[in-house]
Amino acid sequence: MATATETTIAQKLEALLKLQTIDSALDNIKKVRGDLPEEVRDLEDEIMGLETRLSKFQQEIASFEEQISNYKNSKKDSDKLIVKYKEQQMNVRNNREFEAISKEIELQGLEMEIADKRIKEIDFKVLNKNDEIASVESTLFERKKDLEQKQKELEVIINESEEDEQKAMKDRDKALKLVDPRLFKSYEKLRDNARNGLAVVMVKRGACGGCFSSVPPQRQTDIKDKKKIIVCEHCGRVFAGVEDVIPPPEKEKKSRSKAAVAAPAAPAAE
């Protein structure tokens, strides 16, 4: 007669195996989607990066335009000063005042030349930046088209499996309530580290159902008894039980008596 401990261990293993079965079904649903979800996320990230870059370029253009405006205003101020200084030159009292005003006029002329030079330099920067903006906008347009196409493909696949996925998620919530919290933590770690997502397996044909390493007969007996949680020595997966292989039915062998029956012998010649 099974003890309470045996029953508890058996129930824990059964709950884990049920959860694994549901999670494997969910994994298969997600496999159908392939790399589409990841591709959609990558495109969304790339588009966000391109939009940020575009915004930065536009801010630089605005800054360049502000600088050009400042230089143009500076030129206007210099031009006004030159007009003013020339008027003052008409009323000078001596050569020294005339030369001083002439230097001021020359200085403002240099300021205007410098402003013109700076404006040309900034215009060249604006031209290059506009080329970069055009390139980014072109790439952004293409990526948005790609994203729209991928999202449509993903939406079709999700819609096809949505009902099955929702049902599996509900079943998972129910199954999760029966799983021991400590075992669930180990289960999650194993799932994260396993390529195939298998954390709980059966022993099949004398081997681990996860890594296919051989399981000794005595260990199989312990697994069948379910007196304690036993894990694979090679991959660490939890053994939920041993799957008995039912041998195929043997073909009926002809009895020796039938095999010995031969055609009737011909009568001997007299």
C-alpha atoms as a PDB file:
ATOM      1  CA  MET A   1       0.000   0.000   0.000  1.00  0.00           C
ATOM      2  CA  ALA A   2       1.367   3.403  -1.011  1.00  0.00           C
ATOM      3  CA  THR A   3       2.336   5.791   1.744  1.00  0.00           C
ATOM      4  CA  ALA A   4       1.283   9.425   1.940  1.00  0.00           C
ATOM      5  CA  THR A   5       4.806  10.507   0.939  1.00  0.00           C
ATOM      6  CA  GLU A   6       4.763   8.312  -2.171  1.00  0.00           C
ATOM      7  CA  THR A   7       1.399   9.713  -3.180  1.00  0.00           C
ATOM      8  CA  THR A   8       2.638  13.277  -2.657  1.00  0.00           C
ATOM      9  CA  ILE A   9       5.748  12.726  -4.780  1.00  0.00           C
ATOM     10  CA  ALA A  10       3.667  11.044  -7.455  1.00  0.00           C
ATOM     11  CA  GLN A  11       1.244  13.971  -7.489  1.00  0.00           C
ATOM     12  CA  LYS A  12       4.074  16.481  -7.685  1.00  0.00           C
ATOM     13  CA  LEU A  13       5.597  14.655 -10.641  1.00  0.00           C
ATOM     14  CA  GLU A  14       2.238  14.341 -12.329  1.00  0.00           C
ATOM     15  CA  ALA A  15       1.593  18.089 -11.907  1.00  0.00           C
ATOM     16  CA  LEU A  16       5.057  18.922 -13.289  1.00  0.00           C
ATOM     17  CA  LEU A  17       4.588  16.618 -16.273  1.00  0.00           C
ATOM     18  CA  LYS A  18       1.206  18.166 -17.035  1.00  0.00           C
ATOM     19  CA  LEU A  19       2.719  21.631 -16.911  1.00  0.00           C
ATOM     20  CA  GLN A  20       5.542  20.503 -19.171  1.00  0.00           C
ATOM     21  CA  THR A  21       3.055  19.059 -21.669  1.00  0.00           C
ATOM     22  CA  ILE A  22       1.162  22.359 -21.808  1.00  0.00           C
ATOM     23  CA  ASP A  23       4.360  24.428 -22.088  1.00  0.00           C
ATOM     24  CA  SER A  24       5.603  22.177 -24.896  1.00  0.00           C
ATOM     25  CA  ALA A  25       2.299  22.724 -26.728  1.00  0.00           C
ATOM     26  CA  LEU A  26       2.741  26.495 -26.309  1.00  0.00           C
ATOM     27  CA  ASP A  27       6.337  26.202 -27.554  1.00  0.00           C
ATOM     28  CA  ASN A  28       5.084  24.435 -30.681  1.00  0.00           C
ATOM     29  CA  ILE A  29       2.542  27.203 -31.288  1.00  0.00           C
ATOM     30  CA  LYS A  30       5.331  29.793 -31.018  1.00  0.00           C
ATOM     31  CA  LYS A  31       7.606  27.742 -33.284  1.00  0.00           C
ATOM     32  CA  VAL A  32       5.059  28.103 -36.080  1.00  0.00           C
ATOM     33  CA  ARG A  33       5.621  31.856 -35.876  1.00  0.00           C
ATOM     34  CA  GLY A  34       9.318  31.250 -36.427  1.00  0.00           C
ATOM     35  CA  ASP A  35      11.558  34.320 -36.222  1.00  0.00           C
ATOM     36  CA  LEU A  36       8.733  36.707 -37.134  1.00  0.00           C
ATOM     37  CA  PRO A  37       8.172  38.102 -33.599  1.00  0.00           C
ATOM     38  CA  GLU A  38      11.901  38.766 -33.214  1.00  0.00           C
ATOM     39  CA  GLU A  39      12.103  40.294 -36.702  1.00  0.00           C
ATOM     40  CA  VAL A  40       9.180  42.593 -35.862  1.00  0.00           C
ATOM     41  CA  ARG A  41      10.874  43.680 -32.609  1.00  0.00           C
ATOM     42  CA  ASP A  42      14.184  44.282 -34.417  1.00  0.00           C
ATOM     43  CA  LEU A  43      12.462  46.394 -37.070  1.00  0.00           C
ATOM     44  CA  GLU A  44      10.611  48.382 -34.408  1.00  0.00           C
ATOM     45  CA  ASP A  45      13.913  49.039 -32.595  1.00  0.00           C
ATOM     46  CA  GLU A  46      15.639  50.013 -35.851  1.00  0.00           C
ATOM     47  CA  ILE A  47      12.793  52.377 -36.797  1.00  0.00           C
ATOM     48  CA  MET A  48      12.941  53.970 -33.354  1.00  0.00           C
ATOM     49  CA  GLY A  49      16.698  54.453 -33.766  1.00  0.00           C
ATOM     50  CA  LEU A  50      16.279  55.966 -37.246  1.00  0.00           C
ATOM     51  CA  GLU A  51      13.567  58.346 -36.014  1.00  0.00           C
ATOM     52  CA  THR A  52      15.802  59.433 -33.119  1.00  0.00           C
ATOM     53  CA  ARG A  53      18.665  59.991 -35.556  1.00  0.00           C
ATOM     54  CA  LEU A  54      16.391  61.950 -37.895  1.00  0.00           C
ATOM     55  CA  SER A  55      15.180  64.119 -35.036  1.00  0.00           C
ATOM     56  CA  LYS A  56      18.784  64.832 -34.029  1.00  0.00           C
ATOM     57  CA  PHE A  57      19.685  65.828 -37.601  1.00  0.00           C
ATOM     58  CA  GLN A  58      16.682  68.145 -37.788  1.00  0.00           C
ATOM     59  CA  GLN A  59      17.742  69.782 -34.519  1.00  0.00           C
ATOM     60  CA  GLU A  60      21.222  70.317 -35.991  1.00  0.00           C
ATOM     61  CA  ILE A  61      19.684  71.884 -39.101  1.00  0.00           C
ATOM     62  CA  ALA A  62      17.628  74.217 -36.896  1.00  0.00           C
ATOM     63  CA  SER A  63      20.815  75.139 -34.997  1.00  0.00           C
ATOM     64  CA  PHE A  64      22.662  75.835 -38.284  1.00  0.00           C
ATOM     65  CA  GLU A  65      19.813  78.038 -39.498  1.00  0.00           C
ATOM     66  CA  GLU A  66      19.890  79.962 -36.238  1.00  0.00           C
ATOM     67  CA  GLN A  67      23.643  80.529 -36.639  1.00  0.00           C
ATOM     68  CA  ILE A  68      23.147  81.746 -40.205  1.00  0.00           C
ATOM     69  CA  SER A  69      20.428  84.116 -39.012  1.00  0.00           C
ATOM     70  CA  ASN A  70      22.757  85.472 -36.312  1.00  0.00           C
ATOM     71  CA  TYR A  71      25.565  86.063 -38.827  1.00  0.00           C
ATOM     72  CA  LYS A  72      23.169  87.823 -41.191  1.00  0.00           C
ATOM     73  CA  ASN A  73      21.978  90.066 -38.367  1.00  0.00           C
ATOM     74  CA  SER A  74      25.614  90.717 -37.470  1.00  0.00           C
ATOM     75  CA  LYS A  75      26.242  91.781 -41.081  1.00  0.00           C
ATOM     76  CA  LYS A  76      23.288  94.157 -40.936  1.00  0.00           C
ATOM     77  CA  ASP A  77      24.615  95.658 -37.726  1.00  0.00           C
ATOM     78  CA  SER A  78      28.074  96.067 -39.273  1.00  0.00           C
ATOM     79  CA  ASP A  79      26.559  97.675 -42.369  1.00  0.00           C
ATOM     80  CA  LYS A  80      24.636 100.179 -40.239  1.00  0.00           C
ATOM     81  CA  LEU A  81      27.810 101.018 -38.325  1.00  0.00           C
ATOM     82  CA  ILE A  82      29.726 101.567 -41.554  1.00  0.00           C
ATOM     83  CA  VAL A  83      27.029 104.017 -42.745  1.00  0.00           C
ATOM     84  CA  LYS A  84      27.205 105.770 -39.374  1.00  0.00           C
ATOM     85  CA  TYR A  85      31.015 105.945 -39.389  1.00  0.00           C
ATOM     86  CA  LYS A  86      31.062 107.329 -42.929  1.00  0.00           C
ATOM     87  CA  GLU A  87      28.679 110.082 -41.861  1.00  0.00           C
ATOM     88  CA  GLN A  88      30.982 110.841 -38.922  1.00  0.00           C
ATOM     89  CA  GLN A  89      33.942 111.042 -41.270  1.00  0.00           C
ATOM     90  CA  MET A  90      32.265 113.984 -42.974  1.00  0.00           C
ATOM     91  CA  ASN A  91      32.426 115.949 -39.742  1.00  0.00           C
ATOM     92  CA  VAL A  92      35.902 115.097 -38.412  1.00  0.00           C
ATOM     93  CA  ARG A  93      38.123 117.881 -37.145  1.00  0.00           C
ATOM     94  CA  ASN A  94      41.518 116.345 -37.852  1.00  0.00           C
ATOM     95  CA  ASN A  95      43.312 113.494 -39.600  1.00  0.00           C
ATOM     96  CA  ARG A  96      43.642 111.446 -36.429  1.00  0.00           C
ATOM     97  CA  GLU A  97      39.860 111.274 -36.001  1.00  0.00           C
ATOM     98  CA  PHE A  98      39.490 110.445 -39.694  1.00  0.00           C
ATOM     99  CA  GLU A  99      41.986 107.567 -39.451  1.00  0.00           C
ATOM    100  CA  ALA A 100      40.345 106.241 -36.268  1.00  0.00           C
ATOM    101  CA  ILE A 101      36.948 106.165 -37.952  1.00  0.00           C
ATOM    102  CA  SER A 102      38.504 104.593 -41.071  1.00  0.00           C
ATOM    103  CA  LYS A 103      39.875 101.759 -38.919  1.00  0.00           C
ATOM    104  CA  GLU A 104      36.421 101.211 -37.449  1.00  0.00           C
ATOM    105  CA  ILE A 105      34.941 101.062 -40.942  1.00  0.00           C
ATOM    106  CA  GLU A 106      37.670  98.614 -41.996  1.00  0.00           C
ATOM    107  CA  LEU A 107      37.021  96.514 -38.884  1.00  0.00           C
ATOM    108  CA  GLN A 108      33.295  96.285 -39.592  1.00  0.00           C
ATOM    109  CA  GLY A 109      34.093  95.348 -43.184  1.00  0.00           C
ATOM    110  CA  LEU A 110      36.237  92.484 -41.898  1.00  0.00           C
ATOM    111  CA  GLU A 111      33.412  91.436 -39.586  1.00  0.00           C
ATOM    112  CA  MET A 112      31.092  91.235 -42.615  1.00  0.00           C
ATOM    113  CA  GLU A 113      33.627  89.186 -44.573  1.00  0.00           C
ATOM    114  CA  ILE A 114      34.023  86.782 -41.670  1.00  0.00           C
ATOM    115  CA  ALA A 115      30.245  86.504 -41.386  1.00  0.00           C
ATOM    116  CA  ASP A 116      29.990  85.707 -45.112  1.00  0.00           C
ATOM    117  CA  LYS A 117      32.680  83.039 -44.734  1.00  0.00           C
ATOM    118  CA  ARG A 118      30.927  81.468 -41.736  1.00  0.00           C
ATOM    119  CA  ILE A 119      27.581  81.499 -43.582  1.00  0.00           C
ATOM    120  CA  LYS A 120      29.152  79.654 -46.536  1.00  0.00           C
ATOM    121  CA  GLU A 121      30.689  77.064 -44.194  1.00  0.00           C
ATOM    122  CA  ILE A 122      27.382  76.500 -42.428  1.00  0.00           C
ATOM    123  CA  ASP A 123      25.516  76.331 -45.757  1.00  0.00           C
ATOM    124  CA  PHE A 124      27.892  73.523 -46.764  1.00  0.00           C
ATOM    125  CA  LYS A 125      27.186  71.712 -43.476  1.00  0.00           C
ATOM    126  CA  VAL A 126      23.448  72.129 -44.026  1.00  0.00           C
ATOM    127  CA  LEU A 127      23.788  70.668 -47.521  1.00  0.00           C
ATOM    128  CA  ASN A 128      25.634  67.594 -46.205  1.00  0.00           C
ATOM    129  CA  LYS A 129      23.195  67.196 -43.333  1.00  0.00           C
ATOM    130  CA  ASN A 130      20.237  67.360 -45.734  1.00  0.00           C
ATOM    131  CA  ASP A 131      21.844  64.542 -47.757  1.00  0.00           C
ATOM    132  CA  GLU A 132      22.111  62.480 -44.560  1.00  0.00           C
ATOM    133  CA  ILE A 133      18.489  63.272 -43.701  1.00  0.00           C
ATOM    134  CA  ALA A 134      17.357  62.170 -47.169  1.00  0.00           C
ATOM    135  CA  SER A 135      19.271  58.892 -46.781  1.00  0.00           C
ATOM    136  CA  VAL A 136      17.797  58.223 -43.317  1.00  0.00           C
ATOM    137  CA  GLU A 137      14.288  59.103 -44.512  1.00  0.00           C
ATOM    138  CA  SER A 138      14.655  56.670 -47.422  1.00  0.00           C
ATOM    139  CA  THR A 139      15.858  53.880 -45.111  1.00  0.00           C
ATOM    140  CA  LEU A 140      13.090  54.708 -42.627  1.00  0.00           C
ATOM    141  CA  PHE A 141      10.451  54.483 -45.355  1.00  0.00           C
ATOM    142  CA  GLU A 142      11.736  51.035 -46.424  1.00  0.00           C
ATOM    143  CA  ARG A 143      11.907  49.749 -42.854  1.00  0.00           C
ATOM    144  CA  LYS A 144       8.354  50.898 -42.158  1.00  0.00           C
ATOM    145  CA  LYS A 145       7.190  49.023 -45.254  1.00  0.00           C
ATOM    146  CA  ASP A 146       9.044  45.905 -44.084  1.00  0.00           C
ATOM    147  CA  LEU A 147       7.549  46.241 -40.604  1.00  0.00           C
ATOM    148  CA  GLU A 148       4.023  46.592 -41.976  1.00  0.00           C
ATOM    149  CA  GLN A 149       4.476  43.433 -44.065  1.00  0.00           C
ATOM    150  CA  LYS A 150       5.970  41.432 -41.186  1.00  0.00           C
ATOM    151  CA  GLN A 151       3.223  42.582 -38.809  1.00  0.00           C
ATOM    152  CA  LYS A 152       0.563  41.434 -41.270  1.00  0.00           C
ATOM    153  CA  GLU A 153       2.225  38.011 -41.629  1.00  0.00           C
ATOM    154  CA  LEU A 154       2.536  37.665 -37.858  1.00  0.00           C
ATOM    155  CA  GLU A 155      -1.068  38.763 -37.329  1.00  0.00           C
ATOM    156  CA  VAL A 156      -2.324  36.070 -39.714  1.00  0.00           C
ATOM    157  CA  ILE A 157      -0.321  33.352 -37.909  1.00  0.00           C
ATOM    158  CA  ILE A 158      -1.382  34.590 -34.460  1.00  0.00           C
ATOM    159  CA  ASN A 159      -5.047  34.675 -35.486  1.00  0.00           C
ATOM    160  CA  GLU A 160      -4.805  31.078 -36.718  1.00  0.00           C
ATOM    161  CA  SER A 161      -3.421  29.818 -33.403  1.00  0.00           C
ATOM    162  CA  GLU A 162      -4.997  32.356 -31.042  1.00  0.00           C
ATOM    163  CA  GLU A 163      -7.800  30.068 -29.884  1.00  0.00           C
ATOM    164  CA  ASP A 164      -5.427  27.167 -29.167  1.00  0.00           C
ATOM    165  CA  GLU A 165      -2.990  29.473 -27.392  1.00  0.00           C
ATOM    166  CA  GLN A 166      -5.653  31.004 -25.169  1.00  0.00           C
ATOM    167  CA  LYS A 167      -6.952  27.566 -24.216  1.00  0.00           C
ATOM    168  CA  ALA A 168      -3.413  26.372 -23.452  1.00  0.00           C
ATOM    169  CA  MET A 169      -2.767  29.455 -21.321  1.00  0.00           C
ATOM    170  CA  LYS A 170      -5.931  28.802 -19.284  1.00  0.00           C
ATOM    171  CA  ASP A 171      -4.910  25.164 -18.837  1.00  0.00           C
ATOM    172  CA  ARG A 172      -1.456  26.336 -17.776  1.00  0.00           C
ATOM    173  CA  ASP A 173      -2.894  28.632 -15.107  1.00  0.00           C
ATOM    174  CA  LYS A 174      -4.869  25.714 -13.680  1.00  0.00           C
ATOM    175  CA  ALA A 175      -1.912  23.326 -13.838  1.00  0.00           C
ATOM    176  CA  LEU A 176       0.383  25.879 -12.218  1.00  0.00           C
ATOM    177  CA  LYS A 177      -1.763  25.919  -9.071  1.00  0.00           C
ATOM    178  CA  LEU A 178      -0.957  22.247  -8.510  1.00  0.00           C
ATOM    179  CA  VAL A 179       2.808  22.613  -8.923  1.00  0.00           C
ATOM    180  CA  ASP A 180       5.045  22.879  -5.863  1.00  0.00           C
ATOM    181  CA  PRO A 181       6.512  26.445  -5.808  1.00  0.00           C
ATOM    182  CA  ARG A 182      10.070  25.246  -5.117  1.00  0.00           C
ATOM    183  CA  LEU A 183       9.899  22.710  -7.917  1.00  0.00           C
ATOM    184  CA  PHE A 184       8.502  25.378 -10.230  1.00  0.00           C
ATOM    185  CA  LYS A 185      11.594  27.572  -9.691  1.00  0.00           C
ATOM    186  CA  SER A 186      13.847  24.665 -10.663  1.00  0.00           C
ATOM    187  CA  TYR A 187      11.539  23.869 -13.562  1.00  0.00           C
ATOM    188  CA  GLU A 188      11.796  27.428 -14.893  1.00  0.00           C
ATOM    189  CA  LYS A 189      15.615  27.398 -14.663  1.00  0.00           C
ATOM    190  CA  LEU A 190      15.797  24.085 -16.491  1.00  0.00           C
ATOM    191  CA  ARG A 191      13.414  25.363 -19.180  1.00  0.00           C
ATOM    192  CA  ASP A 192      15.507  28.480 -19.695  1.00  0.00           C
ATOM    193  CA  ASN A 193      18.709  26.461 -20.108  1.00  0.00           C
ATOM    194  CA  ALA A 194      17.242  23.700 -22.280  1.00  0.00           C
ATOM    195  CA  ARG A 195      17.237  24.228 -26.037  1.00  0.00           C
ATOM    196  CA  ASN A 196      14.066  22.214 -26.529  1.00  0.00           C
ATOM    197  CA  GLY A 197      12.350  23.677 -23.462  1.00  0.00           C
ATOM    198  CA  LEU A 198      12.092  20.277 -21.770  1.00  0.00           C
ATOM    199  CA  ALA A 199      12.568  20.312 -18.002  1.00  0.00           C
ATOM    200  CA  VAL A 200      10.476  17.231 -17.167  1.00  0.00           C
ATOM    201  CA  VAL A 201      10.895  14.061 -19.204  1.00  0.00           C
ATOM    202  CA  MET A 202      10.106  10.381 -19.263  1.00  0.00           C
ATOM    203  CA  VAL A 203      12.643   7.595 -19.527  1.00  0.00           C
ATOM    204  CA  LYS A 204      12.131   6.176 -23.019  1.00  0.00           C
ATOM    205  CA  ARG A 205      13.763   2.981 -24.244  1.00  0.00           C
ATOM    206  CA  GLY A 206      16.134   3.076 -21.280  1.00  0.00           C
ATOM    207  CA  ALA A 207      17.339   6.625 -21.977  1.00  0.00           C
ATOM    208  CA  CYS A 208      16.623  10.162 -20.776  1.00  0.00           C
ATOM    209  CA  GLY A 209      13.893  11.753 -22.882  1.00  0.00           C
ATOM    210  CA  GLY A 210      15.814  15.038 -22.900  1.00  0.00           C
ATOM    211  CA  CYS A 211      19.488  14.289 -23.525  1.00  0.00           C
ATOM    212  CA  PHE A 212      19.098  10.612 -24.507  1.00  0.00           C
ATOM    213  CA  SER A 213      21.746   9.455 -22.045  1.00  0.00           C
ATOM    214  CA  SER A 214      21.362   5.870 -20.839  1.00  0.00           C
ATOM    215  CA  VAL A 215      19.556   5.338 -17.515  1.00  0.00           C
ATOM    216  CA  PRO A 216      20.618   2.216 -15.541  1.00  0.00           C
ATOM    217  CA  PRO A 217      17.887  -0.369 -14.788  1.00  0.00           C
ATOM    218  CA  GLN A 218      18.116   0.132 -10.995  1.00  0.00           C
ATOM    219  CA  ARG A 219      17.677   3.880 -11.434  1.00  0.00           C
ATOM    220  CA  GLN A 220      14.670   3.209 -13.663  1.00  0.00           C
ATOM    221  CA  THR A 221      13.178   1.149 -10.851  1.00  0.00           C
ATOM    222  CA  ASP A 222      13.674   4.044  -8.416  1.00  0.00           C
ATOM    223  CA  ILE A 223      12.036   6.405 -10.918  1.00  0.00           C
ATOM    224  CA  LYS A 224       9.053   4.069 -11.239  1.00  0.00           C
ATOM    225  CA  ASP A 225       8.679   3.881  -7.455  1.00  0.00           C
ATOM    226  CA  LYS A 226       8.338   7.693  -7.269  1.00  0.00           C
ATOM    227  CA  LYS A 227       9.548   7.805  -3.679  1.00  0.00           C
ATOM    228  CA  LYS A 228      11.688  10.868  -4.397  1.00  0.00           C
ATOM    229  CA  ILE A 229      12.420  13.394  -7.144  1.00  0.00           C
ATOM    230  CA  ILE A 230      15.102  11.925  -9.392  1.00  0.00           C
ATOM    231  CA  VAL A 231      16.955  13.965 -12.032  1.00  0.00           C
ATOM    232  CA  CYS A 232      19.126  12.975 -14.969  1.00  0.00           C
ATOM    233  CA  GLU A 233      22.790  12.747 -13.965  1.00  0.00           C
ATOM    234  CA  HIS A 234      23.818  14.266 -17.311  1.00  0.00           C
ATOM    235  CA  CYS A 235      21.352  17.090 -18.041  1.00  0.00           C
ATOM    236  CA  GLY A 236      19.590  17.631 -14.704  1.00  0.00           C
ATOM    237  CA  ARG A 237      16.083  17.177 -16.120  1.00  0.00           C
ATOM    238  CA  VAL A 238      13.437  15.776 -13.795  1.00  0.00           C
ATOM    239  CA  PHE A 239      12.281  12.242 -14.486  1.00  0.00           C
ATOM    240  CA  ALA A 240       8.486  11.965 -14.289  1.00  0.00           C
ATOM    241  CA  GLY A 241       8.397   8.235 -14.921  1.00  0.00           C
ATOM    242  CA  VAL A 242       9.443   5.366 -17.151  1.00  0.00           C
ATOM    243  CA  GLU A 243       7.649   4.812 -20.399  1.00  0.00           C
ATOM    244  CA  ASP A 244       7.170   1.080 -20.818  1.00  0.00           C
ATOM    245  CA  VAL A 245       7.816  -0.089 -24.335  1.00  0.00           C
ATOM    246  CA  ILE A 246       5.226  -2.632 -25.418  1.00  0.00           C
ATOM    247  CA  PRO A 247       6.917  -5.139 -27.709  1.00  0.00           C
ATOM    248  CA  PRO A 248       5.187  -5.726 -31.032  1.00  0.00           C
ATOM    249  CA  PRO A 249       3.141  -8.949 -31.181  1.00  0.00           C
ATOM    250  CA  GLU A 250       5.148 -11.891 -32.463  1.00  0.00           C
ATOM    251  CA  LYS A 251       4.091 -13.454 -35.692  1.00  0.00           C
ATOM    252  CA  GLU A 252       2.543 -16.875 -35.312  1.00  0.00           C
ATOM    253  CA  LYS A 253       5.151 -19.492 -35.775  1.00  0.00           C
ATOM    254  CA  LYS A 254       4.284 -22.523 -37.714  1.00  0.00           C
ATOM    255  CA  SER A 255       4.241 -25.558 -35.518  1.00  0.00           C
ATOM    256  CA  ARG A 256       6.782 -28.210 -36.216  1.00  0.00           C
ATOM    257  CA  SER A 257       4.052 -30.594 -36.960  1.00  0.00           C
ATOM    258  CA  LYS A 258       2.742 -28.319 -39.720  1.00  0.00           C
ATOM    259  CA  ALA A 259       6.211 -27.707 -41.017  1.00  0.00           C
ATOM    260  CA  ALA A 260       6.829 -31.453 -41.093  1.00  0.00           C
ATOM    261  CA  VAL A 261       3.735 -32.165 -43.123  1.00  0.00           C
ATOM    262  CA  ALA A 262       4.823 -32.847 -46.656  1.00  0.00           C
ATOM    263  CA  ALA A 263       3.050 -33.853 -49.785  1.00  0.00           C
ATOM    264  CA  PRO A 264       1.916 -37.550 -49.749  1.00  0.00           C
ATOM    265  CA  ALA A 265       4.664 -39.891 -50.925  1.00  0.00           C
ATOM    266  CA  ALA A 266       4.199 -41.650 -54.299  1.00  0.00           C
ATOM    267  CA  PRO A 267       3.430 -45.398 -54.015  1.00  0.00           C
ATOM    268  CA  ALA A 268       6.506 -47.625 -54.386  1.00  0.00           C
ATOM    269  CA  ALA A 269       6.904 -49.459 -57.723  1.00  0.00           C
ATOM    270  CA  GLU A 270       6.188 -53.145 -57.591  1.00  0.00           C
END
